[in-house]
Amino acid sequence: MAHPDIAVYHLEMFAHPQLDVPAPQDGLAVVHAKTPPVPYYRFLYNIVGEEYNWVSRRQLSDEELGAILHDPRNEVHVLHVDGSPAGFAELNRRQSDEVELVQFGLMPEFIGHGLGTWFLKWTIDTVWSYVPKRFWLHTCTLDHPSAVHIYTKAGFVQFKEETIRRPLDDNNRRLEP
């Protein structure tokens, strides 16, 4: 199994940026899935992350994943377009005074319509309503090619970059960090 180099970018913000991002269309709703069933979460995770080789949550047993998802300090927010799930944001609030954006993305058919920028603004506004001292995330070269640009445009600043090696899966696809 090959081990390609992957650049991992760590980004953060320390204040709520004032962004003006109008909704790109009608029919948008974000639903807080307070205790999402593991199969529903896996459905979202697998569809959103398939093209980017997300695997970390796939490697967890249902019991391990359920413990994370049902912790009230872990939040899953699902973007809906006209009633259909279109993407999700997962927030880790387990550390005092900070929030990590663990997962963020859209289903492939919803990419390219301005929804990602709007949903990221919604996520940022939600996080800052908790008054953390820091909001952070990491992404990598396996992610959508515009990910770093979208995050920095939204107010995140890169504070670290590292190169790691990840094996390819059985289909010769790189695995996420």
N, C-alpha and C. Protein backbone atom coordinates (compact mmCIF):
# COMPACT_ATOMS: atom_id res chain seq x y z
N MET A 1 0.84 -1.18 0.00
CA MET A 1 0.00 0.00 0.00
C MET A 1 0.89 1.24 0.00
N ALA A 2 0.68 2.16 -0.94
CA ALA A 2 1.47 3.38 -1.04
C ALA A 2 1.10 4.36 0.06
N HIS A 3 2.03 5.26 0.33
CA HIS A 3 1.81 6.27 1.38
C HIS A 3 2.09 7.65 0.81
N PRO A 4 1.09 8.28 0.19
CA PRO A 4 1.33 9.61 -0.39
C PRO A 4 1.44 10.69 0.68
N ASP A 5 2.16 11.75 0.35
CA ASP A 5 2.26 12.91 1.24
C ASP A 5 0.99 13.73 1.14
N ILE A 6 0.52 14.19 2.29
CA ILE A 6 -0.69 15.00 2.38
C ILE A 6 -0.36 16.23 3.22
N ALA A 7 -0.69 17.40 2.71
CA ALA A 7 -0.54 18.63 3.50
C ALA A 7 -1.79 18.81 4.34
N VAL A 8 -1.59 19.03 5.63
CA VAL A 8 -2.68 19.29 6.56
C VAL A 8 -2.55 20.73 7.03
N TYR A 9 -3.66 21.47 6.90
CA TYR A 9 -3.69 22.89 7.26
C TYR A 9 -4.56 23.06 8.50
N HIS A 10 -4.02 23.72 9.51
CA HIS A 10 -4.75 24.01 10.73
C HIS A 10 -5.09 25.50 10.70
N LEU A 11 -6.39 25.81 10.88
CA LEU A 11 -6.86 27.19 10.81
C LEU A 11 -7.65 27.52 12.06
N GLU A 12 -7.67 28.80 12.42
CA GLU A 12 -8.37 29.22 13.62
C GLU A 12 -8.87 30.65 13.47
N MET A 13 -9.78 31.00 14.36
CA MET A 13 -10.22 32.39 14.50
C MET A 13 -10.47 32.66 15.97
N PHE A 14 -10.27 33.93 16.36
CA PHE A 14 -10.41 34.32 17.77
C PHE A 14 -11.51 35.34 17.98
N ALA A 15 -12.19 35.74 16.92
CA ALA A 15 -13.28 36.71 17.04
C ALA A 15 -14.31 36.41 15.96
N HIS A 16 -15.51 36.81 16.22
CA HIS A 16 -16.62 36.58 15.29
C HIS A 16 -16.52 37.55 14.12
N PRO A 17 -16.23 37.04 12.93
CA PRO A 17 -16.16 37.95 11.77
C PRO A 17 -17.57 38.37 11.36
N GLN A 18 -17.69 39.58 10.91
CA GLN A 18 -18.98 40.08 10.45
C GLN A 18 -19.07 39.83 8.95
N LEU A 19 -19.73 38.77 8.60
CA LEU A 19 -19.86 38.36 7.21
C LEU A 19 -21.27 38.64 6.72
N ASP A 20 -21.38 39.10 5.50
CA ASP A 20 -22.68 39.30 4.88
C ASP A 20 -22.81 38.29 3.75
N VAL A 21 -23.49 37.20 4.04
CA VAL A 21 -23.68 36.14 3.06
C VAL A 21 -25.18 35.85 2.96
N PRO A 22 -25.84 36.43 1.97
CA PRO A 22 -27.28 36.17 1.84
C PRO A 22 -27.53 34.72 1.43
N ALA A 23 -28.69 34.22 1.80
CA ALA A 23 -29.08 32.87 1.41
C ALA A 23 -29.13 32.80 -0.12
N PRO A 24 -28.49 31.79 -0.71
CA PRO A 24 -28.46 31.71 -2.17
C PRO A 24 -29.77 31.27 -2.79
N GLN A 25 -30.70 30.78 -1.98
CA GLN A 25 -31.99 30.35 -2.49
C GLN A 25 -32.96 30.22 -1.33
N ASP A 26 -34.22 30.05 -1.66
CA ASP A 26 -35.24 29.79 -0.65
C ASP A 26 -35.20 28.31 -0.28
N GLY A 27 -35.89 27.97 0.78
CA GLY A 27 -36.03 26.57 1.16
C GLY A 27 -34.88 26.00 1.97
N LEU A 28 -34.06 26.88 2.57
CA LEU A 28 -32.93 26.41 3.37
C LEU A 28 -33.32 26.33 4.85
N ALA A 29 -32.90 25.26 5.48
CA ALA A 29 -33.11 25.09 6.91
C ALA A 29 -31.94 24.31 7.47
N VAL A 30 -31.53 24.64 8.67
CA VAL A 30 -30.49 23.87 9.36
C VAL A 30 -31.13 23.27 10.60
N VAL A 31 -31.01 21.97 10.73
CA VAL A 31 -31.63 21.24 11.83
C VAL A 31 -30.53 20.67 12.72
N HIS A 32 -30.64 20.94 14.02
CA HIS A 32 -29.70 20.37 14.99
C HIS A 32 -30.16 18.95 15.28
N ALA A 33 -29.38 17.98 14.82
CA ALA A 33 -29.67 16.57 15.10
C ALA A 33 -29.04 16.27 16.46
N LYS A 34 -29.84 16.40 17.51
CA LYS A 34 -29.31 16.35 18.87
C LYS A 34 -28.72 15.00 19.25
N THR A 35 -29.35 13.94 18.87
CA THR A 35 -28.80 12.59 19.09
C THR A 35 -29.04 11.77 17.82
N PRO A 36 -28.28 12.08 16.77
CA PRO A 36 -28.54 11.39 15.51
C PRO A 36 -28.25 9.89 15.60
N PRO A 37 -29.12 9.08 15.03
CA PRO A 37 -28.82 7.65 14.99
C PRO A 37 -27.53 7.42 14.19
N VAL A 38 -26.74 6.45 14.61
CA VAL A 38 -25.48 6.17 13.95
C VAL A 38 -25.66 5.92 12.45
N PRO A 39 -26.67 5.14 12.01
CA PRO A 39 -26.82 4.94 10.56
C PRO A 39 -27.09 6.24 9.79
N TYR A 40 -27.86 7.16 10.38
CA TYR A 40 -28.13 8.43 9.73
C TYR A 40 -26.84 9.25 9.61
N TYR A 41 -26.08 9.30 10.68
CA TYR A 41 -24.80 10.02 10.63
C TYR A 41 -23.88 9.39 9.58
N ARG A 42 -23.80 8.07 9.57
CA ARG A 42 -22.93 7.41 8.59
C ARG A 42 -23.39 7.72 7.17
N PHE A 43 -24.70 7.80 6.95
CA PHE A 43 -25.23 8.17 5.64
C PHE A 43 -24.71 9.55 5.24
N LEU A 44 -24.83 10.53 6.12
CA LEU A 44 -24.35 11.88 5.83
C LEU A 44 -22.84 11.88 5.60
N TYR A 45 -22.11 11.29 6.52
CA TYR A 45 -20.66 11.27 6.48
C TYR A 45 -20.14 10.60 5.21
N ASN A 46 -20.72 9.47 4.87
CA ASN A 46 -20.24 8.72 3.70
C ASN A 46 -20.51 9.46 2.40
N ILE A 47 -21.68 10.06 2.27
CA ILE A 47 -21.99 10.77 1.02
C ILE A 47 -21.15 12.04 0.91
N VAL A 48 -21.09 12.82 1.99
CA VAL A 48 -20.33 14.08 1.95
C VAL A 48 -18.84 13.79 1.77
N GLY A 49 -18.33 12.80 2.46
CA GLY A 49 -16.89 12.56 2.46
C GLY A 49 -16.37 11.57 1.44
N GLU A 50 -17.25 10.94 0.69
CA GLU A 50 -16.80 9.88 -0.24
C GLU A 50 -15.74 10.37 -1.22
N GLU A 51 -15.97 11.49 -1.86
CA GLU A 51 -15.03 11.99 -2.86
C GLU A 51 -13.70 12.44 -2.24
N TYR A 52 -13.73 12.74 -0.94
CA TYR A 52 -12.54 13.25 -0.27
C TYR A 52 -11.89 12.20 0.62
N ASN A 53 -12.34 10.97 0.50
CA ASN A 53 -11.76 9.83 1.20
C ASN A 53 -11.78 9.97 2.72
N TRP A 54 -12.90 10.47 3.24
CA TRP A 54 -13.05 10.53 4.69
C TRP A 54 -13.17 9.10 5.20
N VAL A 55 -12.39 8.75 6.18
CA VAL A 55 -12.46 7.40 6.73
C VAL A 55 -12.44 7.33 8.25
N SER A 56 -12.06 8.41 8.93
CA SER A 56 -11.86 8.33 10.38
C SER A 56 -13.11 7.82 11.11
N ARG A 57 -14.27 8.31 10.75
CA ARG A 57 -15.50 7.86 11.42
C ARG A 57 -15.90 6.46 10.96
N ARG A 58 -15.51 6.08 9.75
CA ARG A 58 -15.82 4.72 9.28
C ARG A 58 -15.06 3.68 10.09
N GLN A 59 -13.91 4.07 10.61
CA GLN A 59 -13.08 3.13 11.36
C GLN A 59 -13.59 2.89 12.78
N LEU A 60 -14.55 3.69 13.21
CA LEU A 60 -15.11 3.53 14.55
C LEU A 60 -16.24 2.51 14.54
N SER A 61 -16.35 1.77 15.61
CA SER A 61 -17.50 0.87 15.76
C SER A 61 -18.75 1.71 15.97
N ASP A 62 -19.90 1.11 15.80
CA ASP A 62 -21.15 1.83 16.06
C ASP A 62 -21.20 2.34 17.50
N GLU A 63 -20.70 1.54 18.43
CA GLU A 63 -20.71 1.95 19.84
C GLU A 63 -19.81 3.15 20.06
N GLU A 64 -18.59 3.13 19.48
CA GLU A 64 -17.67 4.26 19.64
C GLU A 64 -18.24 5.53 19.01
N LEU A 65 -18.78 5.39 17.81
CA LEU A 65 -19.35 6.55 17.13
C LEU A 65 -20.58 7.06 17.88
N GLY A 66 -21.42 6.16 18.34
CA GLY A 66 -22.61 6.55 19.10
C GLY A 66 -22.26 7.33 20.36
N ALA A 67 -21.18 6.94 21.04
CA ALA A 67 -20.76 7.65 22.25
C ALA A 67 -20.37 9.09 21.91
N ILE A 68 -19.73 9.30 20.79
CA ILE A 68 -19.36 10.66 20.36
C ILE A 68 -20.62 11.44 20.00
N LEU A 69 -21.46 10.84 19.16
CA LEU A 69 -22.64 11.54 18.65
C LEU A 69 -23.65 11.88 19.74
N HIS A 70 -23.70 11.09 20.78
CA HIS A 70 -24.70 11.31 21.82
C HIS A 70 -24.15 12.11 22.99
N ASP A 71 -22.91 12.55 22.90
CA ASP A 71 -22.34 13.46 23.88
C ASP A 71 -22.93 14.84 23.60
N PRO A 72 -23.59 15.48 24.56
CA PRO A 72 -24.21 16.78 24.30
C PRO A 72 -23.22 17.88 23.92
N ARG A 73 -21.93 17.63 24.13
CA ARG A 73 -20.92 18.63 23.74
C ARG A 73 -20.46 18.42 22.30
N ASN A 74 -21.01 17.44 21.62
CA ASN A 74 -20.76 17.21 20.20
C ASN A 74 -22.06 17.51 19.48
N GLU A 75 -22.00 18.39 18.50
CA GLU A 75 -23.22 18.80 17.80
C GLU A 75 -23.13 18.48 16.32
N VAL A 76 -24.24 17.98 15.79
CA VAL A 76 -24.37 17.73 14.35
C VAL A 76 -25.52 18.60 13.86
N HIS A 77 -25.21 19.47 12.91
CA HIS A 77 -26.19 20.36 12.30
C HIS A 77 -26.30 19.99 10.83
N VAL A 78 -27.52 19.71 10.40
CA VAL A 78 -27.75 19.23 9.03
C VAL A 78 -28.44 20.31 8.21
N LEU A 79 -27.80 20.68 7.11
CA LEU A 79 -28.38 21.63 6.16
C LEU A 79 -29.39 20.89 5.30
N HIS A 80 -30.58 21.46 5.19
CA HIS A 80 -31.62 20.91 4.32
C HIS A 80 -31.97 21.93 3.24
N VAL A 81 -32.18 21.43 2.05
CA VAL A 81 -32.63 22.25 0.93
C VAL A 81 -33.97 21.67 0.48
N ASP A 82 -35.02 22.47 0.64
CA ASP A 82 -36.37 22.01 0.31
C ASP A 82 -36.69 20.66 0.95
N GLY A 83 -36.24 20.50 2.19
CA GLY A 83 -36.56 19.30 2.97
C GLY A 83 -35.59 18.15 2.82
N SER A 84 -34.65 18.22 1.90
CA SER A 84 -33.70 17.13 1.70
C SER A 84 -32.35 17.47 2.33
N PRO A 85 -31.71 16.49 2.99
CA PRO A 85 -30.39 16.78 3.55
C PRO A 85 -29.41 17.12 2.44
N ALA A 86 -28.62 18.19 2.66
CA ALA A 86 -27.69 18.67 1.64
C ALA A 86 -26.25 18.71 2.15
N GLY A 87 -26.05 18.61 3.46
CA GLY A 87 -24.72 18.65 4.03
C GLY A 87 -24.81 18.72 5.53
N PHE A 88 -23.65 18.74 6.18
CA PHE A 88 -23.68 18.82 7.64
C PHE A 88 -22.41 19.45 8.18
N ALA A 89 -22.54 19.95 9.40
CA ALA A 89 -21.42 20.49 10.17
C ALA A 89 -21.42 19.79 11.52
N GLU A 90 -20.24 19.35 11.93
CA GLU A 90 -20.11 18.71 13.24
C GLU A 90 -19.17 19.55 14.09
N LEU A 91 -19.65 19.91 15.27
CA LEU A 91 -18.91 20.77 16.19
C LEU A 91 -18.54 19.98 17.44
N ASN A 92 -17.28 20.10 17.84
CA ASN A 92 -16.80 19.50 19.08
C ASN A 92 -16.63 20.62 20.10
N ARG A 93 -17.45 20.57 21.15
CA ARG A 93 -17.41 21.59 22.20
C ARG A 93 -16.87 21.02 23.50
N ARG A 94 -16.10 19.93 23.43
CA ARG A 94 -15.62 19.27 24.64
C ARG A 94 -14.53 20.04 25.37
N GLN A 95 -13.74 20.84 24.66
CA GLN A 95 -12.68 21.65 25.28
C GLN A 95 -13.28 22.96 25.77
N SER A 96 -12.94 23.34 26.96
CA SER A 96 -13.43 24.59 27.53
C SER A 96 -12.92 25.76 26.70
N ASP A 97 -13.81 26.69 26.38
CA ASP A 97 -13.48 27.94 25.71
C ASP A 97 -13.09 27.81 24.24
N GLU A 98 -13.26 26.62 23.64
CA GLU A 98 -12.97 26.51 22.21
C GLU A 98 -13.93 25.52 21.55
N VAL A 99 -14.08 25.70 20.25
CA VAL A 99 -14.93 24.81 19.46
C VAL A 99 -14.12 24.37 18.25
N GLU A 100 -14.19 23.09 17.95
CA GLU A 100 -13.54 22.56 16.75
C GLU A 100 -14.61 22.21 15.73
N LEU A 101 -14.39 22.63 14.50
CA LEU A 101 -15.23 22.19 13.39
C LEU A 101 -14.64 20.87 12.92
N VAL A 102 -15.26 19.77 13.33
CA VAL A 102 -14.73 18.44 13.09
C VAL A 102 -14.99 17.99 11.66
N GLN A 103 -16.22 18.19 11.20
CA GLN A 103 -16.61 17.82 9.84
C GLN A 103 -17.44 18.96 9.28
N PHE A 104 -17.28 19.20 8.00
CA PHE A 104 -18.09 20.21 7.33
C PHE A 104 -18.09 19.88 5.85
N GLY A 105 -19.27 19.83 5.26
CA GLY A 105 -19.31 19.60 3.83
C GLY A 105 -20.71 19.45 3.30
N LEU A 106 -20.78 19.42 1.99
CA LEU A 106 -22.04 19.27 1.27
C LEU A 106 -22.05 17.99 0.47
N MET A 107 -23.23 17.50 0.21
CA MET A 107 -23.39 16.38 -0.70
C MET A 107 -23.05 16.87 -2.11
N PRO A 108 -22.49 16.01 -2.94
CA PRO A 108 -21.98 16.45 -4.25
C PRO A 108 -22.97 17.25 -5.09
N GLU A 109 -24.22 16.88 -5.09
CA GLU A 109 -25.19 17.57 -5.96
C GLU A 109 -25.52 18.99 -5.48
N PHE A 110 -25.07 19.35 -4.28
CA PHE A 110 -25.35 20.68 -3.75
C PHE A 110 -24.12 21.60 -3.79
N ILE A 111 -23.01 21.10 -4.27
CA ILE A 111 -21.78 21.90 -4.38
C ILE A 111 -21.89 22.81 -5.59
N GLY A 112 -21.38 24.04 -5.44
CA GLY A 112 -21.33 24.97 -6.56
C GLY A 112 -22.52 25.89 -6.69
N HIS A 113 -23.36 25.94 -5.65
CA HIS A 113 -24.56 26.79 -5.69
C HIS A 113 -24.55 27.88 -4.62
N GLY A 114 -23.40 28.08 -3.98
CA GLY A 114 -23.29 29.09 -2.93
C GLY A 114 -23.74 28.61 -1.56
N LEU A 115 -24.14 27.36 -1.47
CA LEU A 115 -24.64 26.84 -0.19
C LEU A 115 -23.53 26.67 0.84
N GLY A 116 -22.33 26.28 0.39
CA GLY A 116 -21.23 26.06 1.32
C GLY A 116 -20.84 27.33 2.05
N THR A 117 -20.74 28.44 1.32
CA THR A 117 -20.39 29.73 1.93
C THR A 117 -21.46 30.16 2.91
N TRP A 118 -22.73 30.00 2.52
CA TRP A 118 -23.83 30.38 3.40
C TRP A 118 -23.86 29.49 4.65
N PHE A 119 -23.69 28.18 4.45
CA PHE A 119 -23.73 27.25 5.58
C PHE A 119 -22.53 27.47 6.52
N LEU A 120 -21.39 27.79 5.96
CA LEU A 120 -20.23 28.08 6.80
C LEU A 120 -20.49 29.33 7.64
N LYS A 121 -21.09 30.36 7.06
CA LYS A 121 -21.43 31.56 7.83
C LYS A 121 -22.42 31.20 8.94
N TRP A 122 -23.41 30.39 8.62
CA TRP A 122 -24.38 29.95 9.63
C TRP A 122 -23.64 29.22 10.76
N THR A 123 -22.71 28.36 10.40
CA THR A 123 -21.95 27.60 11.39
C THR A 123 -21.10 28.53 12.25
N ILE A 124 -20.43 29.48 11.63
CA ILE A 124 -19.60 30.45 12.36
C ILE A 124 -20.47 31.24 13.34
N ASP A 125 -21.62 31.72 12.88
CA ASP A 125 -22.53 32.47 13.75
C ASP A 125 -22.98 31.62 14.93
N THR A 126 -23.29 30.36 14.68
CA THR A 126 -23.72 29.47 15.74
C THR A 126 -22.61 29.26 16.76
N VAL A 127 -21.41 28.99 16.28
CA VAL A 127 -20.28 28.78 17.19
C VAL A 127 -20.05 30.01 18.07
N TRP A 128 -20.05 31.20 17.48
CA TRP A 128 -19.76 32.39 18.26
C TRP A 128 -20.89 32.74 19.22
N SER A 129 -22.08 32.17 19.02
CA SER A 129 -23.16 32.38 20.00
C SER A 129 -22.82 31.71 21.33
N TYR A 130 -21.87 30.76 21.32
CA TYR A 130 -21.42 30.09 22.54
C TYR A 130 -20.30 30.88 23.25
N VAL A 131 -19.82 31.94 22.63
CA VAL A 131 -18.79 32.81 23.16
C VAL A 131 -17.49 32.04 23.49
N PRO A 132 -16.97 31.29 22.54
CA PRO A 132 -15.68 30.64 22.79
C PRO A 132 -14.55 31.65 22.66
N LYS A 133 -13.38 31.26 23.10
CA LYS A 133 -12.20 32.10 22.87
C LYS A 133 -11.56 31.76 21.53
N ARG A 134 -11.82 30.55 21.04
CA ARG A 134 -11.18 30.09 19.81
C ARG A 134 -12.10 29.13 19.06
N PHE A 135 -12.11 29.27 17.74
CA PHE A 135 -12.83 28.36 16.85
C PHE A 135 -11.80 27.88 15.84
N TRP A 136 -11.67 26.57 15.68
CA TRP A 136 -10.60 26.06 14.83
C TRP A 136 -11.04 24.83 14.04
N LEU A 137 -10.21 24.48 13.06
CA LEU A 137 -10.46 23.32 12.22
C LEU A 137 -9.15 22.89 11.58
N HIS A 138 -9.17 21.73 10.98
CA HIS A 138 -8.08 21.36 10.10
C HIS A 138 -8.68 20.77 8.82
N THR A 139 -7.97 20.97 7.74
CA THR A 139 -8.35 20.43 6.43
C THR A 139 -7.06 19.97 5.77
N CYS A 140 -7.18 19.40 4.60
CA CYS A 140 -5.97 18.88 3.97
C CYS A 140 -6.13 18.88 2.45
N THR A 141 -5.08 18.47 1.78
CA THR A 141 -5.07 18.47 0.32
C THR A 141 -6.02 17.44 -0.27
N LEU A 142 -6.57 16.56 0.54
CA LEU A 142 -7.58 15.62 0.05
C LEU A 142 -8.96 16.26 -0.02
N ASP A 143 -9.13 17.38 0.67
CA ASP A 143 -10.43 18.04 0.75
C ASP A 143 -10.74 18.74 -0.57
N HIS A 144 -11.92 19.34 -0.64
CA HIS A 144 -12.31 20.10 -1.83
C HIS A 144 -11.22 21.13 -2.13
N PRO A 145 -10.86 21.31 -3.40
CA PRO A 145 -9.78 22.23 -3.75
C PRO A 145 -9.99 23.67 -3.25
N SER A 146 -11.21 24.07 -3.04
CA SER A 146 -11.50 25.43 -2.57
C SER A 146 -11.60 25.55 -1.06
N ALA A 147 -11.42 24.46 -0.33
CA ALA A 147 -11.67 24.47 1.12
C ALA A 147 -10.86 25.54 1.85
N VAL A 148 -9.55 25.56 1.67
CA VAL A 148 -8.72 26.52 2.40
C VAL A 148 -9.13 27.95 2.03
N HIS A 149 -9.38 28.20 0.77
CA HIS A 149 -9.79 29.53 0.32
C HIS A 149 -11.11 29.95 0.98
N ILE A 150 -12.07 29.04 1.01
CA ILE A 150 -13.38 29.35 1.61
C ILE A 150 -13.23 29.64 3.11
N TYR A 151 -12.42 28.83 3.78
CA TYR A 151 -12.23 29.04 5.22
C TYR A 151 -11.50 30.36 5.50
N THR A 152 -10.46 30.68 4.73
CA THR A 152 -9.75 31.94 4.98
C THR A 152 -10.60 33.14 4.60
N LYS A 153 -11.38 33.02 3.55
CA LYS A 153 -12.28 34.11 3.16
C LYS A 153 -13.32 34.37 4.26
N ALA A 154 -13.68 33.31 4.99
CA ALA A 154 -14.66 33.44 6.07
C ALA A 154 -14.04 33.98 7.35
N GLY A 155 -12.71 34.12 7.40
CA GLY A 155 -12.09 34.71 8.58
C GLY A 155 -11.12 33.82 9.33
N PHE A 156 -10.98 32.58 8.92
CA PHE A 156 -10.00 31.70 9.57
C PHE A 156 -8.59 32.08 9.11
N VAL A 157 -7.61 31.89 9.99
CA VAL A 157 -6.21 32.16 9.68
C VAL A 157 -5.44 30.87 9.93
N GLN A 158 -4.58 30.54 8.99
CA GLN A 158 -3.78 29.33 9.13
C GLN A 158 -2.71 29.55 10.20
N PHE A 159 -2.60 28.59 11.13
CA PHE A 159 -1.58 28.71 12.17
C PHE A 159 -0.57 27.58 12.12
N LYS A 160 -0.83 26.57 11.29
CA LYS A 160 0.10 25.45 11.22
C LYS A 160 -0.13 24.70 9.92
N GLU A 161 0.95 24.19 9.37
CA GLU A 161 0.87 23.29 8.21
C GLU A 161 1.84 22.16 8.47
N GLU A 162 1.41 20.96 8.18
CA GLU A 162 2.28 19.81 8.35
C GLU A 162 2.07 18.86 7.19
N THR A 163 3.06 18.05 6.93
CA THR A 163 2.95 17.03 5.90
C THR A 163 2.93 15.68 6.59
N ILE A 164 1.94 14.89 6.23
CA ILE A 164 1.81 13.55 6.80
C ILE A 164 1.72 12.55 5.66
N ARG A 165 1.82 11.31 5.99
CA ARG A 165 1.68 10.24 5.00
C ARG A 165 0.45 9.42 5.39
N ARG A 166 -0.35 9.12 4.39
CA ARG A 166 -1.53 8.28 4.61
C ARG A 166 -1.55 7.19 3.56
N PRO A 167 -1.91 6.00 3.97
CA PRO A 167 -1.97 4.91 2.98
C PRO A 167 -3.15 5.10 2.03
N LEU A 168 -3.07 4.40 0.92
CA LEU A 168 -4.20 4.34 0.00
C LEU A 168 -5.12 3.23 0.45
N ASP A 169 -6.42 3.40 0.17
CA ASP A 169 -7.36 2.34 0.51
C ASP A 169 -7.28 1.24 -0.56
N ASP A 170 -8.16 0.28 -0.49
CA ASP A 170 -8.14 -0.84 -1.42
C ASP A 170 -8.40 -0.44 -2.86
N ASN A 171 -8.96 0.74 -3.08
CA ASN A 171 -9.21 1.23 -4.43
C ASN A 171 -8.17 2.27 -4.85
N ASN A 172 -7.02 2.28 -4.18
CA ASN A 172 -5.93 3.22 -4.47
C ASN A 172 -6.33 4.67 -4.27
N ARG A 173 -7.26 4.93 -3.34
CA ARG A 173 -7.63 6.29 -2.98
C ARG A 173 -6.92 6.63 -1.69
N ARG A 174 -6.48 7.89 -1.57
CA ARG A 174 -5.82 8.33 -0.34
C ARG A 174 -6.82 8.41 0.79
N LEU A 175 -6.35 8.09 1.97
CA LEU A 175 -7.20 8.14 3.16
C LEU A 175 -6.99 9.46 3.86
N GLU A 176 -8.06 10.01 4.45
CA GLU A 176 -7.98 11.30 5.13
C GLU A 176 -7.10 11.20 6.35
N PRO A 177 -6.54 12.34 6.79
CA PRO A 177 -5.76 12.35 8.02
C PRO A 177 -6.66 12.16 9.23
